Each structure stands twice: as C-alpha cells, then as structure tokens.
C-alpha cells in the first residue's frame, strides 16, 4: 500500500508524549492538501488543545517525516516533584489565609468555609 508522502519541508515532525503514548507530533501551516494527506494516514489524531496532528510512532511514519530510529522524545519533567512543590505552595498560602481571617476577627463559620 503506497500512502502519499507529504512535503516534509513544510512539516515539522517530532516525538512527543501524548496522553501517555509516544507519538509523532506534526506541526505545519494550514494547507488543505497537507491536511488531506495527513488524514489519509491510519491512526492519526487531531489535538484541538494543541492544534496539531499526532501519528502513531511507527517506522513508516518516522521515515515519512524524516525522523531517525534513534530519535527520542524529550524527557519530561518529573511530575511528582512539581506536584510536591505545588502542594507546599498551596499549603503555605492556605495558612496565610487562615491567619488573615483570624486577624480580621471573622467568625469561625467563615474560617470553616474558607478552609474546607
């Protein structure tokens, strides 16, 4: 089966983690003929959020979009570390809010509503 080979000079392809799967992300200026060619590729997905196409990470797709077998996805920041830092910031802000509510002599019900 011969699939059309898009003009790779107009398309930027790179490996990305998309919804927990290693995929090939395609970015290009809107061109109806390119969109039609990408739509003909099996397993492709359009991301409304990122406004780009994602393709399955296969050898054919890598070759089609100029990616080497040795290309790897950019390493992602450890999300656990970010979550811990975020939690510490939130706890600090909540404690400051609690102190402010007590300082302003709001009722215990107000304190309860803000802290729960």
Protein backbone atom coordinates (compact mmCIF):
# COMPACT_ATOMS: atom_id res chain seq x y z
CA UNK A 1 0.00 0.00 0.00
CA UNK A 2 1.54 3.30 -1.10
CA UNK A 3 0.49 6.19 1.07
CA UNK A 4 1.12 9.72 -0.10
CA UNK A 5 4.37 11.23 1.10
CA UNK A 6 3.76 14.82 2.26
CA UNK A 7 6.28 17.56 1.53
CA UNK A 8 8.38 17.19 4.70
CA UNK A 9 9.98 20.60 4.12
CA UNK A 10 6.67 22.21 5.08
CA UNK A 11 6.01 19.92 8.06
CA UNK A 12 7.82 19.81 11.38
CA UNK A 13 7.67 16.35 12.97
CA UNK A 14 8.93 15.42 16.43
CA UNK A 15 8.37 12.75 19.04
CA UNK A 16 6.11 13.68 21.95
CA UNK A 17 4.34 12.02 24.81
CA UNK A 18 0.63 12.38 24.03
CA UNK A 19 -1.83 11.02 26.58
CA UNK A 20 0.75 8.55 27.86
CA UNK A 21 1.77 7.28 24.40
CA UNK A 22 4.88 8.10 22.40
CA UNK A 23 3.55 9.74 19.24
CA UNK A 24 4.86 11.78 16.33
CA UNK A 25 3.61 15.36 16.55
CA UNK A 26 3.15 17.21 13.25
CA UNK A 27 3.13 21.00 13.07
CA UNK A 28 2.57 22.93 9.86
CA UNK A 29 0.82 25.96 8.47
CA UNK A 30 -2.70 25.16 7.37
CA UNK A 31 -2.74 23.80 3.85
CA UNK A 32 -5.78 21.83 2.75
CA UNK A 33 -3.72 19.43 0.63
CA UNK A 34 -1.39 18.67 3.57
CA UNK A 35 -4.36 18.13 5.87
CA UNK A 36 -5.88 15.70 3.36
CA UNK A 37 -2.59 13.80 3.16
CA UNK A 38 -2.29 13.59 6.95
CA UNK A 39 -5.92 12.44 7.20
CA UNK A 40 -5.07 9.53 4.91
CA UNK A 41 -2.60 8.18 7.50
CA UNK A 42 -4.01 5.42 9.64
CA UNK A 43 -4.20 6.12 13.38
CA UNK A 44 -3.74 9.90 13.12
CA UNK A 45 -5.37 12.13 15.75
CA UNK A 46 -6.09 15.86 15.76
CA UNK A 47 -5.49 17.62 19.08
CA UNK A 48 -7.90 20.52 19.47
CA UNK A 49 -6.00 21.72 22.53
CA UNK A 50 -2.54 21.74 20.92
CA UNK A 51 -3.80 22.41 17.38
CA UNK A 52 -1.59 19.79 15.80
CA UNK A 53 -1.74 16.24 14.46
CA UNK A 54 -0.41 13.17 16.27
CA UNK A 55 0.57 10.00 14.44
CA UNK A 56 1.44 6.55 15.75
CA UNK A 57 5.16 6.10 16.30
CA UNK A 58 5.88 3.57 13.56
CA UNK A 59 8.94 3.09 11.37
CA UNK A 60 6.94 4.09 8.29
CA UNK A 61 5.75 7.31 9.90
CA UNK A 62 9.24 8.10 11.22
CA UNK A 63 10.70 7.62 7.75
CA UNK A 64 7.88 9.58 6.12
CA UNK A 65 8.53 12.63 8.31
CA UNK A 66 12.32 12.46 8.48
CA UNK A 67 12.77 11.08 11.99
CA UNK A 68 15.59 8.67 12.77
CA UNK A 69 15.14 5.40 14.59
CA UNK A 70 17.40 6.87 17.25
CA UNK A 71 15.34 10.00 17.89
CA UNK A 72 13.83 10.06 21.34
CA UNK A 73 11.07 12.09 22.92
CA UNK A 74 12.22 14.98 25.07
CA UNK A 75 12.45 13.86 28.67
CA UNK A 76 9.53 15.10 30.66
CA UNK A 77 9.92 16.85 33.98
CA UNK A 78 9.13 14.57 36.86
CA UNK A 79 5.51 15.45 37.57
CA UNK A 80 5.76 14.15 41.13
CA UNK A 81 8.31 16.82 42.00
CA UNK A 82 6.10 19.55 40.54
CA UNK A 83 3.08 18.22 42.45
CA UNK A 84 5.00 18.28 45.74
CA UNK A 85 6.20 21.84 45.16
CA UNK A 86 2.69 22.93 44.21
CA UNK A 87 1.26 21.29 47.34
CA UNK A 88 3.77 23.14 49.54
CA UNK A 89 2.90 26.47 47.92
CA UNK A 90 -0.83 25.83 48.37
CA UNK A 91 -0.41 24.83 52.00
CA UNK A 92 1.62 27.98 52.66
CA UNK A 93 -1.00 30.19 51.01
CA UNK A 94 -3.82 28.49 52.90
CA UNK A 95 -2.02 29.03 56.20
CA UNK A 96 -1.57 32.73 55.36
CA UNK A 97 -5.26 32.98 54.50
CA UNK A 98 -6.16 31.30 57.79
CA UNK A 99 -4.00 33.74 59.73
CA UNK A 100 -5.58 36.72 57.90
CA UNK A 101 -9.12 35.51 58.65
CA UNK A 102 -8.26 35.13 62.34
CA UNK A 103 -6.51 38.53 62.39
CA UNK A 104 -9.57 40.24 60.88
CA UNK A 105 -11.76 38.55 63.53
CA UNK A 106 -14.09 36.82 61.09
CA UNK A 107 -16.43 34.21 62.54
CA UNK A 108 -15.43 30.59 62.93
CA UNK A 109 -18.02 29.75 60.26
CA UNK A 110 -16.25 31.99 57.77
CA UNK A 111 -12.96 30.34 58.68
CA UNK A 112 -14.53 26.92 58.26
CA UNK A 113 -15.95 27.83 54.82
CA UNK A 114 -12.64 29.13 53.51
CA UNK A 115 -10.52 26.33 54.93
CA UNK A 116 -12.69 23.37 53.85
